[in-house]
PDB file of all heavy atoms in Angstrom:
ATOM      1  N   LEU A   1       1.513  -2.530   3.481  1.00  0.00           N
ATOM      2  CA  LEU A   1       2.357  -1.743   4.292  1.00  0.00           C
ATOM      3  C   LEU A   1       3.293  -0.859   3.439  1.00  0.00           C
ATOM      4  O   LEU A   1       3.863  -1.456   2.546  1.00  0.00           O
ATOM      5  CB  LEU A   1       3.237  -2.727   5.209  1.00  0.00           C
ATOM      6  CG  LEU A   1       2.445  -3.682   6.156  1.00  0.00           C
ATOM      7  CD1 LEU A   1       3.416  -4.775   6.650  1.00  0.00           C
ATOM      8  CD2 LEU A   1       1.763  -2.918   7.199  1.00  0.00           C
ATOM      9  N   THR A   2       3.378   0.396   3.718  1.00  0.00           N
ATOM     10  CA  THR A   2       4.015   1.279   2.783  1.00  0.00           C
ATOM     11  C   THR A   2       5.549   0.947   2.677  1.00  0.00           C
ATOM     12  O   THR A   2       6.182   1.318   1.693  1.00  0.00           O
ATOM     13  CB  THR A   2       3.820   2.776   3.183  1.00  0.00           C
ATOM     14  OG1 THR A   2       4.384   2.923   4.535  1.00  0.00           O
ATOM     15  CG2 THR A   2       2.438   3.137   3.119  1.00  0.00           C
ATOM     16  N   ARG A   3       6.077   0.208   3.615  1.00  0.00           N
ATOM     17  CA  ARG A   3       7.487  -0.198   3.472  1.00  0.00           C
ATOM     18  C   ARG A   3       7.563  -1.353   2.538  1.00  0.00           C
ATOM     19  O   ARG A   3       8.725  -1.851   2.247  1.00  0.00           O
ATOM     20  CB  ARG A   3       8.135  -0.479   4.915  1.00  0.00           C
ATOM     21  CG  ARG A   3       7.420  -1.622   5.568  1.00  0.00           C
ATOM     22  CD  ARG A   3       8.168  -1.959   6.889  1.00  0.00           C
ATOM     23  NE  ARG A   3       7.347  -2.848   7.687  1.00  0.00           N
ATOM     24  CZ  ARG A   3       7.381  -4.229   7.547  1.00  0.00           C
ATOM     25  NH1 ARG A   3       8.057  -4.783   6.644  1.00  0.00           N
ATOM     26  NH2 ARG A   3       6.684  -4.927   8.338  1.00  0.00           N
ATOM     27  N   ASN A   4       6.581  -1.787   1.927  1.00  0.00           N
ATOM     28  CA  ASN A   4       6.697  -2.911   0.868  1.00  0.00           C
ATOM     29  C   ASN A   4       6.104  -2.319  -0.459  1.00  0.00           C
ATOM     30  O   ASN A   4       4.931  -2.796  -0.858  1.00  0.00           O
ATOM     31  CB  ASN A   4       5.732  -4.056   1.420  1.00  0.00           C
ATOM     32  CG  ASN A   4       5.795  -5.204   0.375  1.00  0.00           C
ATOM     33  OD1 ASN A   4       6.582  -5.386  -0.472  1.00  0.00           O
ATOM     34  ND2 ASN A   4       4.810  -6.068   0.609  1.00  0.00           N
ATOM     35  N   PRO A   5       6.811  -1.446  -1.070  1.00  0.00           N
ATOM     36  CA  PRO A   5       6.319  -0.748  -2.285  1.00  0.00           C
ATOM     37  C   PRO A   5       6.116  -1.783  -3.432  1.00  0.00           C
ATOM     38  O   PRO A   5       5.326  -1.494  -4.247  1.00  0.00           O
ATOM     39  CB  PRO A   5       7.408   0.287  -2.652  1.00  0.00           C
ATOM     40  CG  PRO A   5       8.656  -0.241  -1.927  1.00  0.00           C
ATOM     41  CD  PRO A   5       8.145  -0.965  -0.682  1.00  0.00           C
ATOM     42  N   ALA A   6       6.700  -2.955  -3.462  1.00  0.00           N
ATOM     43  CA  ALA A   6       6.492  -3.930  -4.477  1.00  0.00           C
ATOM     44  C   ALA A   6       4.970  -4.251  -4.551  1.00  0.00           C
ATOM     45  O   ALA A   6       4.480  -4.499  -5.601  1.00  0.00           O
ATOM     46  CB  ALA A   6       7.372  -5.151  -4.253  1.00  0.00           C
ATOM     47  N   SER A   7       4.294  -4.427  -3.373  1.00  0.00           N
ATOM     48  CA  SER A   7       2.947  -4.752  -3.319  1.00  0.00           C
ATOM     49  C   SER A   7       2.050  -3.589  -4.006  1.00  0.00           C
ATOM     50  O   SER A   7       1.102  -3.846  -4.657  1.00  0.00           O
ATOM     51  CB  SER A   7       2.434  -4.934  -1.958  1.00  0.00           C
ATOM     52  OG  SER A   7       1.246  -5.731  -1.956  1.00  0.00           O
ATOM     53  N   GLY A   8       2.427  -2.380  -3.738  1.00  0.00           N
ATOM     54  CA  GLY A   8       1.882  -1.251  -4.417  1.00  0.00           C
ATOM     55  C   GLY A   8       1.969  -1.361  -5.874  1.00  0.00           C
ATOM     56  O   GLY A   8       0.983  -0.967  -6.624  1.00  0.00           O
ATOM     57  N   ARG A   9       3.083  -1.643  -6.340  1.00  0.00           N
ATOM     58  CA  ARG A   9       3.251  -1.784  -7.802  1.00  0.00           C
ATOM     59  C   ARG A   9       2.392  -2.963  -8.394  1.00  0.00           C
ATOM     60  O   ARG A   9       1.912  -2.751  -9.515  1.00  0.00           O
ATOM     61  CB  ARG A   9       4.724  -2.053  -8.182  1.00  0.00           C
ATOM     62  CG  ARG A   9       5.581  -0.901  -7.927  1.00  0.00           C
ATOM     63  CD  ARG A   9       7.009  -0.981  -8.537  1.00  0.00           C
ATOM     64  NE  ARG A   9       7.824  -2.001  -7.932  1.00  0.00           N
ATOM     65  CZ  ARG A   9       8.559  -1.866  -6.753  1.00  0.00           C
ATOM     66  NH1 ARG A   9       8.443  -0.777  -6.201  1.00  0.00           N
ATOM     67  NH2 ARG A   9       9.183  -2.913  -6.266  1.00  0.00           N
ATOM     68  N   VAL A  10       2.222  -3.996  -7.687  1.00  0.00           N
ATOM     69  CA  VAL A  10       1.228  -4.971  -8.144  1.00  0.00           C
ATOM     70  C   VAL A  10      -0.132  -4.459  -8.304  1.00  0.00           C
ATOM     71  O   VAL A  10      -0.761  -4.647  -9.350  1.00  0.00           O
ATOM     72  CB  VAL A  10       1.222  -6.190  -7.161  1.00  0.00           C
ATOM     73  CG1 VAL A  10       0.126  -7.133  -7.424  1.00  0.00           C
ATOM     74  CG2 VAL A  10       2.520  -6.949  -7.121  1.00  0.00           C
ATOM     75  N   MET A  11      -0.542  -3.728  -7.297  1.00  0.00           N
ATOM     76  CA  MET A  11      -1.883  -3.137  -7.384  1.00  0.00           C
ATOM     77  C   MET A  11      -1.967  -2.105  -8.492  1.00  0.00           C
ATOM     78  O   MET A  11      -2.994  -2.105  -9.232  1.00  0.00           O
ATOM     79  CB  MET A  11      -2.267  -2.367  -6.046  1.00  0.00           C
ATOM     80  CG  MET A  11      -2.304  -3.412  -4.886  1.00  0.00           C
ATOM     81  SD  MET A  11      -2.445  -2.513  -3.333  1.00  0.00           S
ATOM     82  CE  MET A  11      -2.085  -3.912  -2.235  1.00  0.00           C
ATOM     83  N   GLU A  12      -1.047  -1.267  -8.742  1.00  0.00           N
ATOM     84  CA  GLU A  12      -0.999  -0.318  -9.894  1.00  0.00           C
ATOM     85  C   GLU A  12      -1.126  -1.010 -11.200  1.00  0.00           C
ATOM     86  O   GLU A  12      -1.835  -0.673 -12.129  1.00  0.00           O
ATOM     87  CB  GLU A  12       0.170   0.676  -9.814  1.00  0.00           C
ATOM     88  CG  GLU A  12       0.198   1.577  -8.617  1.00  0.00           C
ATOM     89  CD  GLU A  12       1.431   2.391  -8.491  1.00  0.00           C
ATOM     90  OE1 GLU A  12       2.419   2.136  -9.177  1.00  0.00           O
ATOM     91  OE2 GLU A  12       1.476   3.227  -7.519  1.00  0.00           O
ATOM     92  N   LYS A  13      -0.227  -2.096 -11.299  1.00  0.00           N
ATOM     93  CA  LYS A  13      -0.220  -2.873 -12.627  1.00  0.00           C
ATOM     94  C   LYS A  13      -1.566  -3.581 -12.924  1.00  0.00           C
ATOM     95  O   LYS A  13      -1.914  -3.848 -13.994  1.00  0.00           O
ATOM     96  CB  LYS A  13       0.911  -3.744 -12.705  1.00  0.00           C
ATOM     97  CG  LYS A  13       2.254  -3.121 -12.859  1.00  0.00           C
ATOM     98  CD  LYS A  13       3.307  -4.250 -12.998  1.00  0.00           C
ATOM     99  CE  LYS A  13       4.313  -4.169 -11.895  1.00  0.00           C
ATOM    100  NZ  LYS A  13       5.284  -5.224 -12.037  1.00  0.00           N
ATOM    101  N   ALA A  14      -2.299  -3.830 -11.777  1.00  0.00           N
ATOM    102  CA  ALA A  14      -3.684  -4.456 -11.955  1.00  0.00           C
ATOM    103  C   ALA A  14      -4.736  -3.392 -12.265  1.00  0.00           C
ATOM    104  O   ALA A  14      -5.841  -3.739 -12.317  1.00  0.00           O
ATOM    105  CB  ALA A  14      -3.940  -5.230 -10.719  1.00  0.00           C
ATOM    106  N   GLY A  15      -4.314  -2.080 -12.342  1.00  0.00           N
ATOM    107  CA  GLY A  15      -5.306  -1.115 -12.654  1.00  0.00           C
ATOM    108  C   GLY A  15      -5.936  -0.403 -11.367  1.00  0.00           C
ATOM    109  O   GLY A  15      -6.774   0.512 -11.545  1.00  0.00           O
ATOM    110  N   MET A  16      -5.432  -0.666 -10.237  1.00  0.00           N
ATOM    111  CA  MET A  16      -5.989  -0.111  -9.079  1.00  0.00           C
ATOM    112  C   MET A  16      -5.366   1.284  -8.821  1.00  0.00           C
ATOM    113  O   MET A  16      -4.240   1.560  -9.317  1.00  0.00           O
ATOM    114  CB  MET A  16      -5.656  -0.958  -7.766  1.00  0.00           C
ATOM    115  CG  MET A  16      -6.288  -2.408  -7.953  1.00  0.00           C
ATOM    116  SD  MET A  16      -5.895  -3.445  -6.559  1.00  0.00           S
ATOM    117  CE  MET A  16      -7.273  -3.091  -5.489  1.00  0.00           C
ATOM    118  N   ARG A  17      -6.088   2.160  -8.197  1.00  0.00           N
ATOM    119  CA  ARG A  17      -5.586   3.540  -7.942  1.00  0.00           C
ATOM    120  C   ARG A  17      -5.410   3.770  -6.362  1.00  0.00           C
ATOM    121  O   ARG A  17      -6.205   3.296  -5.558  1.00  0.00           O
ATOM    122  CB  ARG A  17      -6.592   4.517  -8.386  1.00  0.00           C
ATOM    123  CG  ARG A  17      -6.890   4.644  -9.779  1.00  0.00           C
ATOM    124  CD  ARG A  17      -7.729   5.868 -10.080  1.00  0.00           C
ATOM    125  NE  ARG A  17      -8.501   5.651 -11.209  1.00  0.00           N
ATOM    126  CZ  ARG A  17      -9.448   6.474 -11.663  1.00  0.00           C
ATOM    127  NH1 ARG A  17      -9.923   7.518 -10.779  1.00  0.00           N
ATOM    128  NH2 ARG A  17     -10.219   6.247 -12.704  1.00  0.00           N
ATOM    129  N   LEU A  18      -4.312   4.519  -6.118  1.00  0.00           N
ATOM    130  CA  LEU A  18      -4.049   4.967  -4.754  1.00  0.00           C
ATOM    131  C   LEU A  18      -5.153   5.838  -4.252  1.00  0.00           C
ATOM    132  O   LEU A  18      -5.518   6.885  -4.976  1.00  0.00           O
ATOM    133  CB  LEU A  18      -2.713   5.682  -4.606  1.00  0.00           C
ATOM    134  CG  LEU A  18      -2.443   6.161  -3.335  1.00  0.00           C
ATOM    135  CD1 LEU A  18      -2.177   5.034  -2.220  1.00  0.00           C
ATOM    136  CD2 LEU A  18      -1.098   6.995  -3.326  1.00  0.00           C
ATOM    137  N   GLU A  19      -5.719   5.601  -3.189  1.00  0.00           N
ATOM    138  CA  GLU A  19      -6.830   6.368  -2.532  1.00  0.00           C
ATOM    139  C   GLU A  19      -6.405   7.147  -1.300  1.00  0.00           C
ATOM    140  O   GLU A  19      -6.984   8.108  -0.901  1.00  0.00           O
ATOM    141  CB  GLU A  19      -8.090   5.583  -2.215  1.00  0.00           C
ATOM    142  CG  GLU A  19      -8.774   4.985  -3.395  1.00  0.00           C
ATOM    143  CD  GLU A  19     -10.069   4.504  -3.126  1.00  0.00           C
ATOM    144  OE1 GLU A  19     -10.316   3.874  -2.108  1.00  0.00           O
ATOM    145  OE2 GLU A  19     -10.932   4.471  -4.035  1.00  0.00           O
ATOM    146  N   GLY A  20      -5.274   6.689  -0.812  1.00  0.00           N
ATOM    147  CA  GLY A  20      -4.764   7.416   0.304  1.00  0.00           C
ATOM    148  C   GLY A  20      -3.840   6.558   1.214  1.00  0.00           C
ATOM    149  O   GLY A  20      -3.672   5.404   1.020  1.00  0.00           O
ATOM    150  N   VAL A  21      -3.148   7.218   2.206  1.00  0.00           N
ATOM    151  CA  VAL A  21      -2.389   6.522   3.122  1.00  0.00           C
ATOM    152  C   VAL A  21      -2.921   6.745   4.505  1.00  0.00           C
ATOM    153  O   VAL A  21      -3.156   7.829   4.919  1.00  0.00           O
ATOM    154  CB  VAL A  21      -0.902   6.997   3.072  1.00  0.00           C
ATOM    155  CG1 VAL A  21      -0.060   6.374   4.110  1.00  0.00           C
ATOM    156  CG2 VAL A  21      -0.264   6.691   1.704  1.00  0.00           C
ATOM    157  N   HIS A  22      -3.158   5.682   5.348  1.00  0.00           N
ATOM    158  CA  HIS A  22      -3.591   5.722   6.616  1.00  0.00           C
ATOM    159  C   HIS A  22      -2.300   5.641   7.508  1.00  0.00           C
ATOM    160  O   HIS A  22      -1.712   4.531   7.648  1.00  0.00           O
ATOM    161  CB  HIS A  22      -4.514   4.543   6.997  1.00  0.00           C
ATOM    162  CG  HIS A  22      -5.682   4.534   6.026  1.00  0.00           C
ATOM    163  ND1 HIS A  22      -6.886   5.193   6.354  1.00  0.00           N
ATOM    164  CD2 HIS A  22      -5.949   3.856   4.837  1.00  0.00           C
ATOM    165  CE1 HIS A  22      -7.802   5.006   5.431  1.00  0.00           C
ATOM    166  NE2 HIS A  22      -7.247   4.239   4.515  1.00  0.00           N
ATOM    167  N   ARG A  23      -1.990   6.740   8.165  1.00  0.00           N
ATOM    168  CA  ARG A  23      -0.775   6.794   8.979  1.00  0.00           C
ATOM    169  C   ARG A  23      -0.927   5.995  10.228  1.00  0.00           C
ATOM    170  O   ARG A  23      -1.936   6.029  10.903  1.00  0.00           O
ATOM    171  CB  ARG A  23      -0.465   8.256   9.292  1.00  0.00           C
ATOM    172  CG  ARG A  23      -0.104   9.077   7.990  1.00  0.00           C
ATOM    173  CD  ARG A  23       0.045  10.572   8.301  1.00  0.00           C
ATOM    174  NE  ARG A  23      -1.048  11.105   8.970  1.00  0.00           N
ATOM    175  CZ  ARG A  23      -0.929  11.897   9.973  1.00  0.00           C
ATOM    176  NH1 ARG A  23       0.191  12.364  10.391  1.00  0.00           N
ATOM    177  NH2 ARG A  23      -2.036  12.477  10.555  1.00  0.00           N
ATOM    178  N   GLN A  24       0.075   5.150  10.481  1.00  0.00           N
ATOM    179  CA  GLN A  24       0.161   4.371  11.738  1.00  0.00           C
ATOM    180  C   GLN A  24      -1.211   3.683  12.010  1.00  0.00           C
ATOM    181  O   GLN A  24      -1.620   3.643  13.081  1.00  0.00           O
ATOM    182  CB  GLN A  24       0.572   5.213  12.918  1.00  0.00           C
ATOM    183  CG  GLN A  24       1.999   5.771  12.813  1.00  0.00           C
ATOM    184  CD  GLN A  24       2.413   6.499  13.987  1.00  0.00           C
ATOM    185  OE1 GLN A  24       1.834   6.575  14.965  1.00  0.00           O
ATOM    186  NE2 GLN A  24       3.593   7.058  13.955  1.00  0.00           N
ATOM    187  N   HIS A  25      -1.753   3.061  10.990  1.00  0.00           N
ATOM    188  CA  HIS A  25      -3.026   2.394  10.935  1.00  0.00           C
ATOM    189  C   HIS A  25      -3.033   1.024  11.655  1.00  0.00           C
ATOM    190  O   HIS A  25      -4.094   0.659  12.222  1.00  0.00           O
ATOM    191  CB  HIS A  25      -3.483   2.321   9.570  1.00  0.00           C
ATOM    192  CG  HIS A  25      -4.952   1.934   9.432  1.00  0.00           C
ATOM    193  ND1 HIS A  25      -5.974   2.824   9.706  1.00  0.00           N
ATOM    194  CD2 HIS A  25      -5.511   0.836   8.938  1.00  0.00           C
ATOM    195  CE1 HIS A  25      -7.161   2.251   9.528  1.00  0.00           C
ATOM    196  NE2 HIS A  25      -6.868   0.991   9.047  1.00  0.00           N
ATOM    197  N   VAL A  26      -1.962   0.258  11.636  1.00  0.00           N
ATOM    198  CA  VAL A  26      -1.930  -1.020  12.182  1.00  0.00           C
ATOM    199  C   VAL A  26      -0.642  -1.189  13.074  1.00  0.00           C
ATOM    200  O   VAL A  26       0.325  -0.490  12.878  1.00  0.00           O
ATOM    201  CB  VAL A  26      -1.864  -2.150  11.089  1.00  0.00           C
ATOM    202  CG1 VAL A  26      -3.218  -2.176  10.307  1.00  0.00           C
ATOM    203  CG2 VAL A  26      -0.713  -2.112  10.157  1.00  0.00           C
ATOM    204  N   LEU A  27      -0.767  -2.108  14.003  1.00  0.00           N
ATOM    205  CA  LEU A  27       0.325  -2.376  14.926  1.00  0.00           C
ATOM    206  C   LEU A  27       0.832  -3.801  14.397  1.00  0.00           C
ATOM    207  O   LEU A  27       0.085  -4.791  14.514  1.00  0.00           O
ATOM    208  CB  LEU A  27      -0.077  -2.425  16.309  1.00  0.00           C
ATOM    209  CG  LEU A  27       0.982  -2.664  17.368  1.00  0.00           C
ATOM    210  CD1 LEU A  27       2.015  -1.516  17.357  1.00  0.00           C
ATOM    211  CD2 LEU A  27       0.316  -2.829  18.795  1.00  0.00           C
ATOM    212  N   LYS A  28       2.038  -3.847  13.891  1.00  0.00           N
ATOM    213  CA  LYS A  28       2.663  -4.998  13.441  1.00  0.00           C
ATOM    214  C   LYS A  28       3.978  -5.266  14.091  1.00  0.00           C
ATOM    215  O   LYS A  28       4.846  -4.443  14.077  1.00  0.00           O
ATOM    216  CB  LYS A  28       2.943  -4.929  11.894  1.00  0.00           C
ATOM    217  CG  LYS A  28       3.641  -6.141  11.272  1.00  0.00           C
ATOM    218  CD  LYS A  28       2.690  -7.017  10.667  1.00  0.00           C
ATOM    219  CE  LYS A  28       3.459  -8.159   9.938  1.00  0.00           C
ATOM    220  NZ  LYS A  28       2.743  -9.340   9.865  1.00  0.00           N
ATOM    221  N   ASN A  29       4.071  -6.386  14.888  1.00  0.00           N
ATOM    222  CA  ASN A  29       5.196  -6.683  15.607  1.00  0.00           C
ATOM    223  C   ASN A  29       5.759  -5.552  16.502  1.00  0.00           C
ATOM    224  O   ASN A  29       6.995  -5.210  16.543  1.00  0.00           O
ATOM    225  CB  ASN A  29       6.400  -7.072  14.617  1.00  0.00           C
ATOM    226  CG  ASN A  29       6.079  -8.390  13.821  1.00  0.00           C
ATOM    227  OD1 ASN A  29       5.287  -9.238  14.408  1.00  0.00           O
ATOM    228  ND2 ASN A  29       6.521  -8.426  12.625  1.00  0.00           N
TER     229      ASN A  29
END
């Protein structure tokens, strides 16, 4: 979830690359 940037930093530090953002992709709460 883009409002959780710490998770994105984990992925980047693990060598993963951003491929894109899916806008309003999931309904959460």
